[in-house]
Structures are given as C-alpha cells and as structure tokens.
Amino acid sequence: MNKNKKHKLKGFLLTIFGAISWGFSGTCGQYLMNTKNLDSNYITNIRLLFAGLILIIFSMIKNKNKTFEIFKNKKDTITLFLFAIFGMLICQVAYLQAIYYTNAPTATVLQFLSSVFIVIGICIIEKRLPKKIEIFAVITAVLGTFTLATHFNLSSLVITPLGLFWGIVAALAVVLYSILPLNILKKYSSVVVTGFGMFIGGVVLTIILRPWNIKVDFDFMTFFALFSITIIGTVLAFTSFL
C-alpha cells in the first residue's frame, strides 16, 4: 500500500471512530437530560470547557512552544473565534437541543443532513456539479444513518417543529465546523484548533448561561455520563474528525 492510500485509509478510520464517538455522546446526552433532568446547555457548557482545557493542556505538554502560535496571526485568530462560536458552540448546542425536543436517533438523522449541505456548498464554491462519488457518498451516508438510527422502524423518529429546527441548525453548524477551520488546520495541530475552539465556545456559553446558578444533584452515574460525554463524545470525537 502506497503512502497516499495509507493516508486516506487513516482518514477513513478516524472519521468512522469520530462518528461512533459522536453517536455515543448523543446517547449520554439523552440519558442526562431524560433521567437526570440536566439542562442541555449546562451539559454543553461542561463538555466544551473541560474538553477544551484537556486538549490545551495536552498540547502544552506535548509541544509547549507551538500551542499559542495561532494567536500571533490576527487572521488565524479571527478564524479560530468564528470556528469556536459558529461551528463548535452552535453545533453542540443545536445537537443536544434537537435530542431534547426529539430523541437521539432523530437528532442524529437530522444532523447527518450536513453531508448533503457540505457537498452542495463545495459544488457552489468550486462552481461545478457534484461528482458521481459524491452523490453516492451522500446517499449511503444518509441511508446508513437512517438505518442504524431507526432499524427501518419509522415510529422511532419523533419530529416536532422545534426538533426539526434544531436538527437542521445542527446540520448547518456541522458544515461550518467542517469548512471554517480548513486553512488553520494546514498550519496548526488539530489538537490546538479543537482545544481552543472548544474552550472559547465554552467560555462564551459560560458568560451567557452562568452555570453556577444551576442546581445539579451529582451522583456517580451523573458524573460518569458527564465524564464519558466529555472524553469520548467530545475530546476523541472532535479531534478524530478534524
């Protein structure tokens, strides 16, 4: 296997692992909201702040000198903030809101409409029609997600107006999440971009939400689910994808 094929295979495997981890985060989120009555924005706040902090610390330990280089370039810093707010933060908030107003399978199906939007966006930017492989990829991605989420049982899909709205917002946010950091990812580590993207988004949400005013009854399962959604469903999922 040549270097290019190995590189693509690694990309495919990381994408699959990231998607599995992201799906796991949806299940944890639904558990925390339905069973533990946690506010979806509170969950988002916790996962973004701590996941971002973990990645930043990891980057500082691994390569201290390059961790903050992105802030030396004004254009790259602006791109990072746009990615953090319109990609990372809105993506997380919208996805959990979609789960809250529907359920994890429905929200996942709606969010993976992003693959359709991404292909449309790229074709508009490059002023061309979609390639056959892109059309095939979109069809299989949507059909595969629908099959895994519902097992062809349409009764498991719960569509409400607010659920549909937040699901589409989540899909559009994934498009921004995928496209916005492309240029800075060529210059800086995905750990740095993801870490600061999460942390900045978490700080913004903290200012808006003021989580210290929210009462939470912590027990082992609450802590374990929050830990899992932060490490597996956020740190591993987003870093693998980027």
Protein backbone atom coordinates (compact mmCIF):
# COMPACT_ATOMS: atom_id res chain seq x y z
CA MET A 1 0.00 0.00 0.00
CA ASN A 2 1.49 3.35 -1.04
CA LYS A 3 1.73 6.39 1.20
CA ASN A 4 -1.30 8.15 -0.32
CA LYS A 5 -3.56 5.11 0.16
CA LYS A 6 -2.36 4.69 3.76
CA HIS A 7 -3.07 8.38 4.37
CA LYS A 8 -6.64 8.03 3.01
CA LEU A 9 -7.24 4.81 4.97
CA LYS A 10 -6.16 6.56 8.17
CA GLY A 11 -8.58 9.38 7.36
CA PHE A 12 -11.47 6.96 6.78
CA LEU A 13 -10.79 5.11 10.04
CA LEU A 14 -10.53 8.33 12.06
CA THR A 15 -13.80 9.55 10.55
CA ILE A 16 -15.57 6.30 11.46
CA PHE A 17 -14.17 6.38 15.00
CA GLY A 18 -15.14 10.04 15.39
CA ALA A 19 -18.70 9.31 14.20
CA ILE A 20 -19.06 6.39 16.64
CA SER A 21 -17.80 8.58 19.50
CA TRP A 22 -20.18 11.37 18.48
CA GLY A 23 -23.12 8.96 18.43
CA PHE A 24 -22.12 7.81 21.91
CA SER A 25 -22.25 11.43 23.09
CA GLY A 26 -25.85 11.69 21.88
CA THR A 27 -26.85 8.67 23.96
CA CYS A 28 -25.12 10.08 27.05
CA GLY A 29 -26.77 13.45 26.46
CA GLN A 30 -30.23 11.92 26.20
CA TYR A 31 -29.62 9.95 29.40
CA LEU A 32 -28.53 13.07 31.30
CA MET A 33 -31.50 15.11 30.09
CA ASN A 34 -34.22 12.48 30.42
CA THR A 35 -33.05 10.58 33.51
CA LYS A 36 -31.02 13.15 35.44
CA ASN A 37 -33.01 16.21 34.29
CA LEU A 38 -29.91 18.17 33.34
CA ASP A 39 -30.30 21.24 31.14
CA SER A 40 -28.91 20.65 27.63
CA ASN A 41 -26.97 23.92 27.66
CA TYR A 42 -25.41 23.03 31.01
CA ILE A 43 -24.18 19.73 29.52
CA THR A 44 -22.77 21.59 26.52
CA ASN A 45 -21.08 24.12 28.80
CA ILE A 46 -19.37 21.43 30.89
CA ARG A 47 -18.23 19.33 27.93
CA LEU A 48 -16.81 22.27 25.96
CA LEU A 49 -14.93 23.85 28.85
CA PHE A 50 -13.34 20.70 30.22
CA ALA A 51 -12.72 19.01 26.87
CA GLY A 52 -11.08 22.17 25.56
CA LEU A 53 -8.97 22.54 28.68
CA ILE A 54 -7.83 18.91 28.47
CA LEU A 55 -6.72 19.32 24.85
CA ILE A 56 -4.92 22.61 25.54
CA ILE A 57 -3.03 21.06 28.48
CA PHE A 58 -2.18 18.01 26.34
CA SER A 59 -0.81 20.28 23.61
CA MET A 60 1.25 22.28 26.12
CA ILE A 61 2.79 19.08 27.49
CA LYS A 62 3.49 17.67 24.05
CA ASN A 63 4.62 20.83 22.28
CA LYS A 64 4.55 23.85 24.57
CA ASN A 65 6.15 26.33 22.15
CA LYS A 66 3.58 25.84 19.38
CA THR A 67 0.39 25.77 21.45
CA PHE A 68 -0.26 29.53 21.38
CA GLU A 69 1.26 30.31 17.97
CA ILE A 70 -2.18 30.63 16.39
CA PHE A 71 -2.82 33.84 18.38
CA LYS A 72 0.23 35.53 16.79
CA ASN A 73 -1.64 35.73 13.47
CA LYS A 74 -4.66 38.09 13.53
CA LYS A 75 -6.43 36.43 10.58
CA ASP A 76 -5.98 32.95 12.04
CA THR A 77 -7.22 34.14 15.45
CA ILE A 78 -10.40 35.57 13.88
CA THR A 79 -10.94 32.29 12.01
CA LEU A 80 -10.48 30.37 15.26
CA PHE A 81 -13.10 32.50 17.05
CA LEU A 82 -15.55 32.11 14.15
CA PHE A 83 -14.98 28.35 14.24
CA ALA A 84 -15.41 28.27 18.04
CA ILE A 85 -18.72 30.15 18.05
CA PHE A 86 -20.46 29.37 14.75
CA GLY A 87 -19.03 25.88 14.30
CA MET A 88 -18.19 24.30 17.64
CA LEU A 89 -20.60 26.04 20.05
CA ILE A 90 -23.69 26.15 17.84
CA CYS A 91 -23.10 22.58 16.69
CA GLN A 92 -23.03 21.30 20.28
CA VAL A 93 -25.97 23.40 21.49
CA ALA A 94 -28.17 22.60 18.49
CA TYR A 95 -27.49 18.85 18.59
CA LEU A 96 -28.44 18.48 22.26
CA GLN A 97 -31.46 20.74 21.77
CA ALA A 98 -32.56 18.51 18.88
CA ILE A 99 -32.22 15.47 21.15
CA TYR A 100 -34.20 17.23 23.88
CA TYR A 101 -37.11 18.04 21.54
CA THR A 102 -36.99 14.66 19.74
CA ASN A 103 -34.58 11.84 20.66
CA ALA A 104 -31.02 10.76 19.89
CA PRO A 105 -31.83 8.72 16.72
CA THR A 106 -33.96 11.51 15.22
CA ALA A 107 -31.40 14.21 16.03
CA THR A 108 -28.63 12.09 14.52
CA VAL A 109 -30.56 11.54 11.27
CA LEU A 110 -31.29 15.27 11.01
CA GLN A 111 -27.73 16.29 11.78
CA PHE A 112 -26.27 14.00 9.15
CA LEU A 113 -28.10 16.01 6.52
CA SER A 114 -24.89 18.02 6.86
CA SER A 115 -23.26 15.69 4.32
CA VAL A 116 -25.79 16.91 1.74
CA PHE A 117 -25.18 20.56 2.65
CA ILE A 118 -21.40 20.11 2.53
CA VAL A 119 -21.48 18.67 -0.99
CA ILE A 120 -23.83 21.45 -2.15
CA GLY A 121 -21.57 24.08 -0.55
CA ILE A 122 -18.38 22.69 -2.09
CA CYS A 123 -20.02 22.48 -5.53
CA ILE A 124 -21.15 26.13 -5.26
CA ILE A 125 -17.67 27.25 -4.17
CA GLU A 126 -15.97 25.28 -6.96
CA LYS A 127 -18.75 26.16 -9.47
CA ARG A 128 -19.40 22.60 -10.59
CA LEU A 129 -21.94 19.78 -10.42
CA PRO A 130 -21.48 17.02 -7.81
CA LYS A 131 -19.33 14.08 -8.85
CA LYS A 132 -20.82 10.60 -9.03
CA ILE A 133 -18.76 9.51 -6.00
CA GLU A 134 -20.08 12.49 -4.00
CA ILE A 135 -23.70 11.69 -4.87
CA PHE A 136 -23.09 8.05 -3.91
CA ALA A 137 -21.43 9.11 -0.64
CA VAL A 138 -24.33 11.39 0.31
CA ILE A 139 -26.94 8.70 -0.43
CA THR A 140 -25.09 6.00 1.52
CA ALA A 141 -24.32 8.33 4.44
CA VAL A 142 -27.95 9.41 4.85
CA LEU A 143 -29.34 5.90 4.24
CA GLY A 144 -26.78 4.33 6.60
CA THR A 145 -27.51 6.81 9.37
CA PHE A 146 -31.26 6.35 8.91
CA THR A 147 -30.91 2.55 9.02
CA LEU A 148 -28.72 2.49 12.13
CA ALA A 149 -30.85 5.04 13.94
CA THR A 150 -34.26 3.53 13.17
CA HIS A 151 -33.78 -0.09 12.00
CA PHE A 152 -36.42 0.93 9.41
CA ASN A 153 -38.91 1.50 12.21
CA LEU A 154 -40.32 4.94 11.40
CA SER A 155 -42.14 5.08 14.74
CA SER A 156 -38.80 5.68 16.47
CA LEU A 157 -38.47 9.00 14.63
CA VAL A 158 -40.12 11.82 16.55
CA ILE A 159 -40.35 15.06 14.59
CA THR A 160 -41.59 18.22 16.27
CA PRO A 161 -41.28 21.73 14.82
CA LEU A 162 -38.60 22.70 17.37
CA GLY A 163 -36.85 19.35 16.96
CA LEU A 164 -36.76 19.80 13.17
CA PHE A 165 -35.48 23.37 13.56
CA TRP A 166 -32.63 22.45 15.91
CA GLY A 167 -31.75 19.38 13.83
CA ILE A 168 -31.33 21.49 10.70
CA VAL A 169 -29.36 24.11 12.66
CA ALA A 170 -27.08 21.31 13.90
CA ALA A 171 -26.58 20.09 10.32
CA LEU A 172 -25.70 23.58 9.10
CA ALA A 173 -23.34 24.04 12.07
CA VAL A 174 -21.52 20.83 11.09
CA VAL A 175 -20.99 22.35 7.64
CA LEU A 176 -19.41 25.43 9.23
CA TYR A 177 -17.49 23.20 11.64
CA SER A 178 -16.08 21.25 8.69
CA ILE A 179 -15.26 24.19 6.42
CA LEU A 180 -14.25 27.10 8.70
CA PRO A 181 -11.04 25.59 10.15
CA LEU A 182 -9.66 24.15 6.87
CA ASN A 183 -6.99 26.84 6.41
CA ILE A 184 -5.81 26.94 10.02
CA LEU A 185 -5.67 23.14 10.18
CA LYS A 186 -2.99 23.30 7.49
CA LYS A 187 -0.84 25.44 9.81
CA TYR A 188 -1.64 24.20 13.31
CA SER A 189 -2.30 20.91 15.08
CA SER A 190 -5.89 19.63 15.15
CA VAL A 191 -5.48 19.31 18.92
CA VAL A 192 -4.73 23.04 19.20
CA VAL A 193 -7.56 24.09 16.87
CA THR A 194 -10.09 21.77 18.52
CA GLY A 195 -8.93 22.58 22.05
CA PHE A 196 -9.12 26.35 21.73
CA GLY A 197 -12.30 26.08 19.66
CA MET A 198 -14.00 24.16 22.47
CA PHE A 199 -12.60 26.30 25.27
CA ILE A 200 -13.56 29.60 23.61
CA GLY A 201 -17.05 28.27 22.87
CA GLY A 202 -17.31 27.07 26.48
CA VAL A 203 -16.27 30.46 27.88
CA VAL A 204 -18.83 32.27 25.69
CA LEU A 205 -21.58 29.90 26.84
CA THR A 206 -20.48 30.29 30.48
CA ILE A 207 -20.91 34.07 30.22
CA ILE A 208 -24.40 33.61 28.73
CA LEU A 209 -25.60 30.67 30.86
CA ARG A 210 -23.97 31.37 34.28
CA PRO A 211 -23.90 27.65 35.19
CA TRP A 212 -23.04 28.33 38.85
CA ASN A 213 -26.69 29.35 39.31
CA ILE A 214 -27.95 25.97 38.09
CA LYS A 215 -28.55 23.36 40.78
CA VAL A 216 -27.27 19.90 39.86
CA ASP A 217 -27.59 16.77 42.02
CA PHE A 218 -24.36 14.89 41.34
CA ASP A 219 -24.23 11.15 41.83
CA PHE A 220 -21.94 8.51 40.34
CA MET A 221 -23.96 8.00 37.13
CA THR A 222 -24.28 11.74 36.52
CA PHE A 223 -20.54 12.18 36.94
CA PHE A 224 -19.78 9.10 34.81
CA ALA A 225 -22.07 10.24 31.97
CA LEU A 226 -20.61 13.76 32.02
CA PHE A 227 -17.09 12.29 32.07
CA SER A 228 -17.93 9.98 29.14
CA ILE A 229 -19.57 12.69 27.05
CA THR A 230 -16.57 14.97 27.67
CA ILE A 231 -13.75 12.49 26.98
CA ILE A 232 -15.23 10.05 24.44
CA GLY A 233 -18.05 12.07 22.93
CA THR A 234 -16.15 15.36 22.70
CA VAL A 235 -12.34 15.10 23.01
CA LEU A 236 -11.96 11.90 20.97
CA ALA A 237 -14.89 12.53 18.59
CA PHE A 238 -13.95 16.03 17.50
CA THR A 239 -10.18 15.52 17.43
CA SER A 240 -10.56 12.37 15.31
CA PHE A 241 -12.90 14.13 12.88
CA LEU A 242 -10.66 17.17 12.40
